[in-house]
Amino acid sequence: MSFLFLNMRAIFRALVFFIAVCLYFLTALPFYPYLKIKPMKARKIICFILGRYARFTLWFMGIKVNRNIMEKAIERNYLNVSNHLSYTDILVICAFYPSCFVTSTEMRDTPFLGLICKLAGCVFVERRNKDNIGLEIEEITNTLASGLSVVIFPEATSTNGEEVIRFRRPLFKAALDSNVAIKPFTINYRYLDGDMVSLKNRDCIFWYGDMTFLNHLWGIFKIEKINVELTVGQAINCKNKVDYSALAEQSHRLVSSYYRPIVV
């Protein structure tokens, strides 16, 4: 495919993406003040809006999601836990499972991405400072208790796809405190323009290390089609359990069991 065509497609998608983001800002901005007044009600509305925009964004970016559901869905909220490979993981999940996302304060302070996170009703945690972890767990617990689903990426970073790294444990306490079940998600990026994701092309979709956001996003705009598998595992019931470390380990095993490592 010609260099000119790839760049023309990228320019068109970048324009549509910019318009979609602006429209989302205009739609979500009126609810932003209510995040401080009535945060749970505001988040419910924002999660619904975000889910609709996420589906549209997946469509125009050529990201096709194949869902594998391991048990019959129950209409309830969960603490959703997932492996983390790219910022597109958020679109993949919230397009089908509207949720509040937990992300870092570093992301909150990142230009552009931070504003999107704020308007998406995200819950922010300071991973480098343990002093506030109790208050952060309490906020996640209250969000779950209000009937909203919450998504965490317990690897605490996006990875290069070679394995699902060890899950950080503290945030799992919110599931115990709210008595909300855990739902494990596993994301596998399978094909880029018909080629299997491998060590050779993984950097086109995986975002990790010191990669810059805008340069990486420009590369994604050039890809015609991305195939993703989202496996939704069996829920982990937290009732009568007291060890959140064990919950983290069990969640890690379930997420890892459906993950296909990038090794070639």
C-alpha atoms as a PDB file:
ATOM      1  CA  MET A   1       0.000   0.000   0.000  1.00  0.00           C
ATOM      2  CA  SER A   2       1.436   3.380  -0.987  1.00  0.00           C
ATOM      3  CA  PHE A   3       2.976   5.769   1.490  1.00  0.00           C
ATOM      4  CA  LEU A   4       0.653   8.525   0.273  1.00  0.00           C
ATOM      5  CA  PHE A   5      -2.495   6.431   0.819  1.00  0.00           C
ATOM      6  CA  LEU A   6      -1.427   5.429   4.339  1.00  0.00           C
ATOM      7  CA  ASN A   7      -0.855   9.036   5.288  1.00  0.00           C
ATOM      8  CA  MET A   8      -4.115  10.195   3.716  1.00  0.00           C
ATOM      9  CA  ARG A   9      -5.987   7.567   5.734  1.00  0.00           C
ATOM     10  CA  ALA A  10      -4.140   8.621   8.881  1.00  0.00           C
ATOM     11  CA  ILE A  11      -5.009  12.286   8.264  1.00  0.00           C
ATOM     12  CA  PHE A  12      -8.687  11.438   7.729  1.00  0.00           C
ATOM     13  CA  ARG A  13      -8.845   9.320  10.885  1.00  0.00           C
ATOM     14  CA  ALA A  14      -6.995  11.949  12.892  1.00  0.00           C
ATOM     15  CA  LEU A  15      -9.553  14.527  11.781  1.00  0.00           C
ATOM     16  CA  VAL A  16     -12.492  12.281  12.706  1.00  0.00           C
ATOM     17  CA  PHE A  17     -10.817  11.453  16.014  1.00  0.00           C
ATOM     18  CA  PHE A  18     -10.337  15.137  16.797  1.00  0.00           C
ATOM     19  CA  ILE A  19     -13.980  15.898  15.974  1.00  0.00           C
ATOM     20  CA  ALA A  20     -15.175  12.932  18.075  1.00  0.00           C
ATOM     21  CA  VAL A  21     -13.070  14.063  21.051  1.00  0.00           C
ATOM     22  CA  CYS A  22     -14.413  17.625  20.739  1.00  0.00           C
ATOM     23  CA  LEU A  23     -17.983  16.347  20.587  1.00  0.00           C
ATOM     24  CA  TYR A  24     -17.354  14.166  23.631  1.00  0.00           C
ATOM     25  CA  PHE A  25     -15.981  17.162  25.516  1.00  0.00           C
ATOM     26  CA  LEU A  26     -19.072  19.191  24.618  1.00  0.00           C
ATOM     27  CA  THR A  27     -21.353  16.325  25.690  1.00  0.00           C
ATOM     28  CA  ALA A  28     -19.565  15.447  28.934  1.00  0.00           C
ATOM     29  CA  LEU A  29     -18.429  18.902  30.064  1.00  0.00           C
ATOM     30  CA  PRO A  30     -21.825  19.959  31.507  1.00  0.00           C
ATOM     31  CA  PHE A  31     -21.655  16.987  33.888  1.00  0.00           C
ATOM     32  CA  TYR A  32     -18.102  17.726  35.048  1.00  0.00           C
ATOM     33  CA  PRO A  33     -19.125  20.087  37.914  1.00  0.00           C
ATOM     34  CA  TYR A  34     -21.463  17.370  39.229  1.00  0.00           C
ATOM     35  CA  LEU A  35     -18.488  15.023  39.691  1.00  0.00           C
ATOM     36  CA  LYS A  36     -17.728  17.032  42.817  1.00  0.00           C
ATOM     37  CA  ILE A  37     -21.351  17.599  43.865  1.00  0.00           C
ATOM     38  CA  LYS A  38     -22.917  14.208  43.068  1.00  0.00           C
ATOM     39  CA  PRO A  39     -19.992  12.126  41.770  1.00  0.00           C
ATOM     40  CA  MET A  40     -21.756   8.764  41.512  1.00  0.00           C
ATOM     41  CA  LYS A  41     -24.767  10.034  39.550  1.00  0.00           C
ATOM     42  CA  ALA A  42     -22.479  12.053  37.286  1.00  0.00           C
ATOM     43  CA  ARG A  43     -20.245   9.031  36.667  1.00  0.00           C
ATOM     44  CA  LYS A  44     -23.208   6.869  35.681  1.00  0.00           C
ATOM     45  CA  ILE A  45     -24.202   9.358  32.992  1.00  0.00           C
ATOM     46  CA  ILE A  46     -20.613   9.869  31.832  1.00  0.00           C
ATOM     47  CA  CYS A  47     -19.979   6.103  31.625  1.00  0.00           C
ATOM     48  CA  PHE A  48     -23.023   5.729  29.376  1.00  0.00           C
ATOM     49  CA  ILE A  49     -21.876   8.562  27.109  1.00  0.00           C
ATOM     50  CA  LEU A  50     -18.305   7.255  26.995  1.00  0.00           C
ATOM     51  CA  GLY A  51     -19.494   3.786  26.006  1.00  0.00           C
ATOM     52  CA  ARG A  52     -21.321   5.157  22.968  1.00  0.00           C
ATOM     53  CA  TYR A  53     -18.339   7.195  21.841  1.00  0.00           C
ATOM     54  CA  ALA A  54     -16.028   4.220  22.394  1.00  0.00           C
ATOM     55  CA  ARG A  55     -18.088   2.049  20.016  1.00  0.00           C
ATOM     56  CA  PHE A  56     -17.967   4.735  17.353  1.00  0.00           C
ATOM     57  CA  THR A  57     -14.209   5.184  17.806  1.00  0.00           C
ATOM     58  CA  LEU A  58     -13.560   1.450  17.486  1.00  0.00           C
ATOM     59  CA  TRP A  59     -15.560   1.435  14.268  1.00  0.00           C
ATOM     60  CA  PHE A  60     -13.859   4.303  12.473  1.00  0.00           C
ATOM     61  CA  MET A  61     -10.386   3.190  13.629  1.00  0.00           C
ATOM     62  CA  GLY A  62     -10.988  -0.281  12.195  1.00  0.00           C
ATOM     63  CA  ILE A  63     -10.730  -2.077  15.544  1.00  0.00           C
ATOM     64  CA  LYS A  64     -12.880  -5.198  15.512  1.00  0.00           C
ATOM     65  CA  VAL A  65     -13.531  -6.859  18.860  1.00  0.00           C
ATOM     66  CA  ASN A  66     -14.386 -10.548  19.158  1.00  0.00           C
ATOM     67  CA  ARG A  67     -15.789 -11.335  22.598  1.00  0.00           C
ATOM     68  CA  ASN A  68     -15.447 -14.723  24.277  1.00  0.00           C
ATOM     69  CA  ILE A  69     -17.797 -14.914  27.266  1.00  0.00           C
ATOM     70  CA  MET A  70     -17.126 -17.771  29.655  1.00  0.00           C
ATOM     71  CA  GLU A  71     -20.367 -17.559  31.626  1.00  0.00           C
ATOM     72  CA  LYS A  72     -23.849 -16.147  31.175  1.00  0.00           C
ATOM     73  CA  ALA A  73     -23.876 -12.453  31.963  1.00  0.00           C
ATOM     74  CA  ILE A  74     -25.630 -11.251  35.094  1.00  0.00           C
ATOM     75  CA  GLU A  75     -26.974  -7.709  35.173  1.00  0.00           C
ATOM     76  CA  ARG A  76     -24.892  -6.374  38.025  1.00  0.00           C
ATOM     77  CA  ASN A  77     -21.769  -4.342  38.578  1.00  0.00           C
ATOM     78  CA  TYR A  78     -18.287  -5.758  39.039  1.00  0.00           C
ATOM     79  CA  LEU A  79     -14.734  -4.858  39.819  1.00  0.00           C
ATOM     80  CA  ASN A  80     -13.385  -5.590  36.347  1.00  0.00           C
ATOM     81  CA  VAL A  81      -9.695  -6.488  36.185  1.00  0.00           C
ATOM     82  CA  SER A  82      -7.704  -6.762  32.971  1.00  0.00           C
ATOM     83  CA  ASN A  83      -4.232  -7.085  31.540  1.00  0.00           C
ATOM     84  CA  HIS A  84      -2.977  -3.860  29.996  1.00  0.00           C
ATOM     85  CA  LEU A  85      -1.281  -3.461  26.616  1.00  0.00           C
ATOM     86  CA  SER A  86      -2.360  -0.115  25.172  1.00  0.00           C
ATOM     87  CA  TYR A  87      -4.597   2.912  25.683  1.00  0.00           C
ATOM     88  CA  THR A  88      -6.965   1.283  23.192  1.00  0.00           C
ATOM     89  CA  ASP A  89      -7.736  -1.287  25.919  1.00  0.00           C
ATOM     90  CA  ILE A  90     -10.012   1.344  27.447  1.00  0.00           C
ATOM     91  CA  LEU A  91     -12.061   1.614  24.245  1.00  0.00           C
ATOM     92  CA  VAL A  92     -12.263  -2.171  23.919  1.00  0.00           C
ATOM     93  CA  ILE A  93     -13.669  -2.574  27.433  1.00  0.00           C
ATOM     94  CA  CYS A  94     -15.932   0.441  27.865  1.00  0.00           C
ATOM     95  CA  ALA A  95     -17.558   0.004  24.432  1.00  0.00           C
ATOM     96  CA  PHE A  96     -19.239  -3.137  25.777  1.00  0.00           C
ATOM     97  CA  TYR A  97     -18.983  -2.753  29.566  1.00  0.00           C
ATOM     98  CA  PRO A  98     -19.474   0.897  30.595  1.00  0.00           C
ATOM     99  CA  SER A  99     -17.353   1.428  33.683  1.00  0.00           C
ATOM    100  CA  CYS A 100     -15.319   3.899  35.689  1.00  0.00           C
ATOM    101  CA  PHE A 101     -11.607   3.459  35.134  1.00  0.00           C
ATOM    102  CA  VAL A 102      -8.906   3.688  37.757  1.00  0.00           C
ATOM    103  CA  THR A 103      -5.754   5.352  36.495  1.00  0.00           C
ATOM    104  CA  SER A 104      -2.689   7.065  37.897  1.00  0.00           C
ATOM    105  CA  THR A 105      -2.264  10.662  38.944  1.00  0.00           C
ATOM    106  CA  GLU A 106       0.559  10.805  36.383  1.00  0.00           C
ATOM    107  CA  MET A 107      -2.023  10.160  33.676  1.00  0.00           C
ATOM    108  CA  ARG A 108      -4.257  12.849  35.185  1.00  0.00           C
ATOM    109  CA  ASP A 109      -1.417  15.351  34.838  1.00  0.00           C
ATOM    110  CA  THR A 110      -0.586  14.353  31.237  1.00  0.00           C
ATOM    111  CA  PRO A 111      -1.642  17.038  28.714  1.00  0.00           C
ATOM    112  CA  PHE A 112      -4.714  16.080  26.658  1.00  0.00           C
ATOM    113  CA  LEU A 113      -4.956  12.531  28.049  1.00  0.00           C
ATOM    114  CA  GLY A 114      -5.417  13.935  31.538  1.00  0.00           C
ATOM    115  CA  LEU A 115      -8.349  16.084  30.442  1.00  0.00           C
ATOM    116  CA  ILE A 116      -9.997  13.089  28.761  1.00  0.00           C
ATOM    117  CA  CYS A 117      -9.546  11.047  31.951  1.00  0.00           C
ATOM    118  CA  LYS A 118     -11.095  13.778  34.078  1.00  0.00           C
ATOM    119  CA  LEU A 119     -14.090  14.133  31.779  1.00  0.00           C
ATOM    120  CA  ALA A 120     -14.449  10.344  31.747  1.00  0.00           C
ATOM    121  CA  GLY A 121     -15.007  10.316  35.522  1.00  0.00           C
ATOM    122  CA  CYS A 122     -11.852   8.321  36.249  1.00  0.00           C
ATOM    123  CA  VAL A 123     -10.717   7.506  39.769  1.00  0.00           C
ATOM    124  CA  PHE A 124      -7.080   8.553  40.235  1.00  0.00           C
ATOM    125  CA  VAL A 125      -4.520   6.769  42.403  1.00  0.00           C
ATOM    126  CA  GLU A 126      -0.983   7.757  43.383  1.00  0.00           C
ATOM    127  CA  ARG A 127       0.979   4.557  42.843  1.00  0.00           C
ATOM    128  CA  ARG A 128       4.268   6.013  44.060  1.00  0.00           C
ATOM    129  CA  ASN A 129       2.837   7.243  47.370  1.00  0.00           C
ATOM    130  CA  LYS A 130       1.340   4.722  49.784  1.00  0.00           C
ATOM    131  CA  ASP A 131       0.077   7.344  52.222  1.00  0.00           C
ATOM    132  CA  ASN A 132      -3.232   7.931  50.418  1.00  0.00           C
ATOM    133  CA  ILE A 133      -3.981   4.322  49.472  1.00  0.00           C
ATOM    134  CA  GLY A 134      -6.673   4.006  52.155  1.00  0.00           C
ATOM    135  CA  LEU A 135      -8.630   6.982  50.803  1.00  0.00           C
ATOM    136  CA  GLU A 136      -8.237   5.737  47.226  1.00  0.00           C
ATOM    137  CA  ILE A 137      -9.543   2.279  48.139  1.00  0.00           C
ATOM    138  CA  GLU A 138     -12.447   3.954  49.944  1.00  0.00           C
ATOM    139  CA  GLU A 139     -13.358   5.951  46.817  1.00  0.00           C
ATOM    140  CA  ILE A 140     -13.296   2.814  44.647  1.00  0.00           C
ATOM    141  CA  THR A 141     -15.343   0.973  47.298  1.00  0.00           C
ATOM    142  CA  ASN A 142     -17.963   3.731  47.338  1.00  0.00           C
ATOM    143  CA  THR A 143     -18.132   3.732  43.546  1.00  0.00           C
ATOM    144  CA  LEU A 144     -18.712  -0.036  43.509  1.00  0.00           C
ATOM    145  CA  ALA A 145     -21.258   0.203  46.337  1.00  0.00           C
ATOM    146  CA  SER A 146     -23.203   2.796  44.327  1.00  0.00           C
ATOM    147  CA  GLY A 147     -23.847   0.199  41.611  1.00  0.00           C
ATOM    148  CA  LEU A 148     -21.176   1.246  39.121  1.00  0.00           C
ATOM    149  CA  SER A 149     -18.616  -1.107  37.642  1.00  0.00           C
ATOM    150  CA  VAL A 150     -14.976  -0.136  38.046  1.00  0.00           C
ATOM    151  CA  VAL A 151     -12.066  -1.229  35.849  1.00  0.00           C
ATOM    152  CA  ILE A 152      -8.538  -1.593  37.177  1.00  0.00           C
ATOM    153  CA  PHE A 153      -5.367  -2.617  35.362  1.00  0.00           C
ATOM    154  CA  PRO A 154      -3.587  -4.260  38.302  1.00  0.00           C
ATOM    155  CA  GLU A 155      -0.302  -4.668  36.434  1.00  0.00           C
ATOM    156  CA  ALA A 156      -0.086  -0.903  37.133  1.00  0.00           C
ATOM    157  CA  THR A 157       1.486  -0.302  33.718  1.00  0.00           C
ATOM    158  CA  SER A 158       0.996  -1.259  30.088  1.00  0.00           C
ATOM    159  CA  THR A 159       3.335  -4.021  28.962  1.00  0.00           C
ATOM    160  CA  ASN A 160       5.122  -5.328  25.866  1.00  0.00           C
ATOM    161  CA  GLY A 161       2.852  -8.378  25.615  1.00  0.00           C
ATOM    162  CA  GLU A 162       5.341 -11.082  26.557  1.00  0.00           C
ATOM    163  CA  GLU A 163       3.466 -11.966  29.752  1.00  0.00           C
ATOM    164  CA  VAL A 164       0.823 -10.793  32.201  1.00  0.00           C
ATOM    165  CA  ILE A 165       3.001  -9.423  34.955  1.00  0.00           C
ATOM    166  CA  ARG A 166       2.252  -9.739  38.661  1.00  0.00           C
ATOM    167  CA  PHE A 167      -0.885  -7.966  39.844  1.00  0.00           C
ATOM    168  CA  ARG A 168      -0.613  -5.250  42.476  1.00  0.00           C
ATOM    169  CA  ARG A 169      -2.791  -6.240  45.400  1.00  0.00           C
ATOM    170  CA  PRO A 170      -4.118  -3.254  47.433  1.00  0.00           C
ATOM    171  CA  LEU A 171      -6.974  -2.161  45.145  1.00  0.00           C
ATOM    172  CA  PHE A 172      -8.547  -5.627  45.348  1.00  0.00           C
ATOM    173  CA  LYS A 173      -9.539  -4.736  48.913  1.00  0.00           C
ATOM    174  CA  ALA A 174     -12.283  -2.550  47.416  1.00  0.00           C
ATOM    175  CA  ALA A 175     -14.054  -5.674  46.143  1.00  0.00           C
ATOM    176  CA  LEU A 176     -14.039  -7.145  49.643  1.00  0.00           C
ATOM    177  CA  ASP A 177     -15.174  -3.931  51.328  1.00  0.00           C
ATOM    178  CA  SER A 178     -18.052  -3.438  48.859  1.00  0.00           C
ATOM    179  CA  ASN A 179     -18.882  -7.170  48.541  1.00  0.00           C
ATOM    180  CA  VAL A 180     -18.820  -6.827  44.758  1.00  0.00           C
ATOM    181  CA  ALA A 181     -17.660  -9.734  42.588  1.00  0.00           C
ATOM    182  CA  ILE A 182     -14.542  -9.537  40.430  1.00  0.00           C
ATOM    183  CA  LYS A 183     -14.821 -10.053  36.682  1.00  0.00           C
ATOM    184  CA  PRO A 184     -11.540 -10.976  34.936  1.00  0.00           C
ATOM    185  CA  PHE A 185     -10.975  -9.660  31.398  1.00  0.00           C
ATOM    186  CA  THR A 186      -8.209 -10.806  29.071  1.00  0.00           C
ATOM    187  CA  ILE A 187      -7.243  -8.725  26.048  1.00  0.00           C
ATOM    188  CA  ASN A 188      -5.382 -10.299  23.123  1.00  0.00           C
ATOM    189  CA  TYR A 189      -4.485  -8.237  20.072  1.00  0.00           C
ATOM    190  CA  ARG A 190      -4.434 -10.890  17.362  1.00  0.00           C
ATOM    191  CA  TYR A 191      -3.990  -9.344  13.910  1.00  0.00           C
ATOM    192  CA  LEU A 192      -2.850  -6.068  12.369  1.00  0.00           C
ATOM    193  CA  ASP A 193      -3.955  -5.763   8.746  1.00  0.00           C
ATOM    194  CA  GLY A 194      -4.147  -9.562   8.531  1.00  0.00           C
ATOM    195  CA  ASP A 195      -0.688 -10.191  10.007  1.00  0.00           C
ATOM    196  CA  MET A 196      -0.520 -11.952  13.365  1.00  0.00           C
ATOM    197  CA  VAL A 197       0.731  -9.725  16.159  1.00  0.00           C
ATOM    198  CA  SER A 198       4.356 -10.651  16.800  1.00  0.00           C
ATOM    199  CA  LEU A 199       7.598  -9.266  18.179  1.00  0.00           C
ATOM    200  CA  LYS A 200       8.091  -7.621  14.786  1.00  0.00           C
ATOM    201  CA  ASN A 201       4.923  -5.507  14.696  1.00  0.00           C
ATOM    202  CA  ARG A 202       3.710  -5.352  18.310  1.00  0.00           C
ATOM    203  CA  ASP A 203       4.940  -1.786  18.800  1.00  0.00           C
ATOM    204  CA  CYS A 204       2.340  -0.666  16.249  1.00  0.00           C
ATOM    205  CA  ILE A 205      -0.407  -1.366  18.811  1.00  0.00           C
ATOM    206  CA  PHE A 206       1.223  -1.961  22.233  1.00  0.00           C
ATOM    207  CA  TRP A 207       2.061   1.239  24.108  1.00  0.00           C
ATOM    208  CA  TYR A 208       4.684   0.839  26.796  1.00  0.00           C
ATOM    209  CA  GLY A 209       7.984   2.110  28.091  1.00  0.00           C
ATOM    210  CA  ASP A 210       8.916   5.589  26.900  1.00  0.00           C
ATOM    211  CA  MET A 211       6.692   5.644  23.792  1.00  0.00           C
ATOM    212  CA  THR A 212       5.071   9.024  23.175  1.00  0.00           C
ATOM    213  CA  PHE A 213       1.304   9.123  22.847  1.00  0.00           C
ATOM    214  CA  LEU A 214       0.817  11.267  19.738  1.00  0.00           C
ATOM    215  CA  ASN A 215       3.482   9.506  17.652  1.00  0.00           C
ATOM    216  CA  HIS A 216       2.036   6.129  18.594  1.00  0.00           C
ATOM    217  CA  LEU A 217      -1.543   7.215  17.889  1.00  0.00           C
ATOM    218  CA  TRP A 218      -0.492   8.470  14.448  1.00  0.00           C
ATOM    219  CA  GLY A 219       0.865   4.980  13.717  1.00  0.00           C
ATOM    220  CA  ILE A 220      -2.436   3.381  14.748  1.00  0.00           C
ATOM    221  CA  PHE A 221      -4.315   5.700  12.387  1.00  0.00           C
ATOM    222  CA  LYS A 222      -2.300   4.170   9.529  1.00  0.00           C
ATOM    223  CA  ILE A 223      -3.443   0.617  10.311  1.00  0.00           C
ATOM    224  CA  GLU A 224      -6.505  -0.393   8.312  1.00  0.00           C
ATOM    225  CA  LYS A 225      -7.782  -3.169  10.569  1.00  0.00           C
ATOM    226  CA  ILE A 226      -6.998  -4.384  14.078  1.00  0.00           C
ATOM    227  CA  ASN A 227      -8.468  -7.631  15.417  1.00  0.00           C
ATOM    228  CA  VAL A 228      -8.833  -7.975  19.175  1.00  0.00           C
ATOM    229  CA  GLU A 229     -10.094 -10.787  21.379  1.00  0.00           C
ATOM    230  CA  LEU A 230     -11.744  -9.840  24.661  1.00  0.00           C
ATOM    231  CA  THR A 231     -12.271 -12.844  26.920  1.00  0.00           C
ATOM    232  CA  VAL A 232     -14.652 -12.306  29.818  1.00  0.00           C
ATOM    233  CA  GLY A 233     -13.922 -14.910  32.467  1.00  0.00           C
ATOM    234  CA  GLN A 234     -16.029 -16.371  35.240  1.00  0.00           C
ATOM    235  CA  ALA A 235     -16.766 -14.008  38.098  1.00  0.00           C
ATOM    236  CA  ILE A 236     -14.932 -14.378  41.401  1.00  0.00           C
ATOM    237  CA  ASN A 237     -17.340 -14.115  44.321  1.00  0.00           C
ATOM    238  CA  CYS A 238     -15.864 -12.085  47.171  1.00  0.00           C
ATOM    239  CA  LYS A 239     -18.537 -12.903  49.746  1.00  0.00           C
ATOM    240  CA  ASN A 240     -17.110 -14.243  53.018  1.00  0.00           C
ATOM    241  CA  LYS A 241     -13.524 -13.841  51.768  1.00  0.00           C
ATOM    242  CA  VAL A 242     -11.000 -11.836  53.743  1.00  0.00           C
ATOM    243  CA  ASP A 243      -7.685 -12.120  51.864  1.00  0.00           C
ATOM    244  CA  TYR A 244      -7.409  -9.602  49.037  1.00  0.00           C
ATOM    245  CA  SER A 245      -3.912 -10.890  48.203  1.00  0.00           C
ATOM    246  CA  ALA A 246      -5.464 -14.259  47.352  1.00  0.00           C
ATOM    247  CA  LEU A 247      -8.057 -12.476  45.202  1.00  0.00           C
ATOM    248  CA  ALA A 248      -5.273 -10.753  43.292  1.00  0.00           C
ATOM    249  CA  GLU A 249      -3.472 -14.041  42.708  1.00  0.00           C
ATOM    250  CA  GLN A 250      -6.657 -15.821  41.611  1.00  0.00           C
ATOM    251  CA  SER A 251      -7.498 -12.968  39.234  1.00  0.00           C
ATOM    252  CA  HIS A 252      -3.992 -13.086  37.781  1.00  0.00           C
ATOM    253  CA  ARG A 253      -4.266 -16.823  37.134  1.00  0.00           C
ATOM    254  CA  LEU A 254      -7.606 -16.432  35.353  1.00  0.00           C
ATOM    255  CA  VAL A 255      -6.487 -13.491  33.204  1.00  0.00           C
ATOM    256  CA  SER A 256      -3.210 -15.250  32.348  1.00  0.00           C
ATOM    257  CA  SER A 257      -4.971 -18.498  31.457  1.00  0.00           C
ATOM    258  CA  TYR A 258      -6.589 -16.849  28.415  1.00  0.00           C
ATOM    259  CA  TYR A 259      -3.648 -14.690  27.421  1.00  0.00           C
ATOM    260  CA  ARG A 260      -1.491 -15.534  24.388  1.00  0.00           C
ATOM    261  CA  PRO A 261       2.032 -14.226  25.009  1.00  0.00           C
ATOM    262  CA  ILE A 262       3.927 -12.518  22.195  1.00  0.00           C
ATOM    263  CA  VAL A 263       7.018 -14.696  21.883  1.00  0.00           C
ATOM    264  CA  VAL A 264       7.822 -14.813  18.128  1.00  0.00           C
END
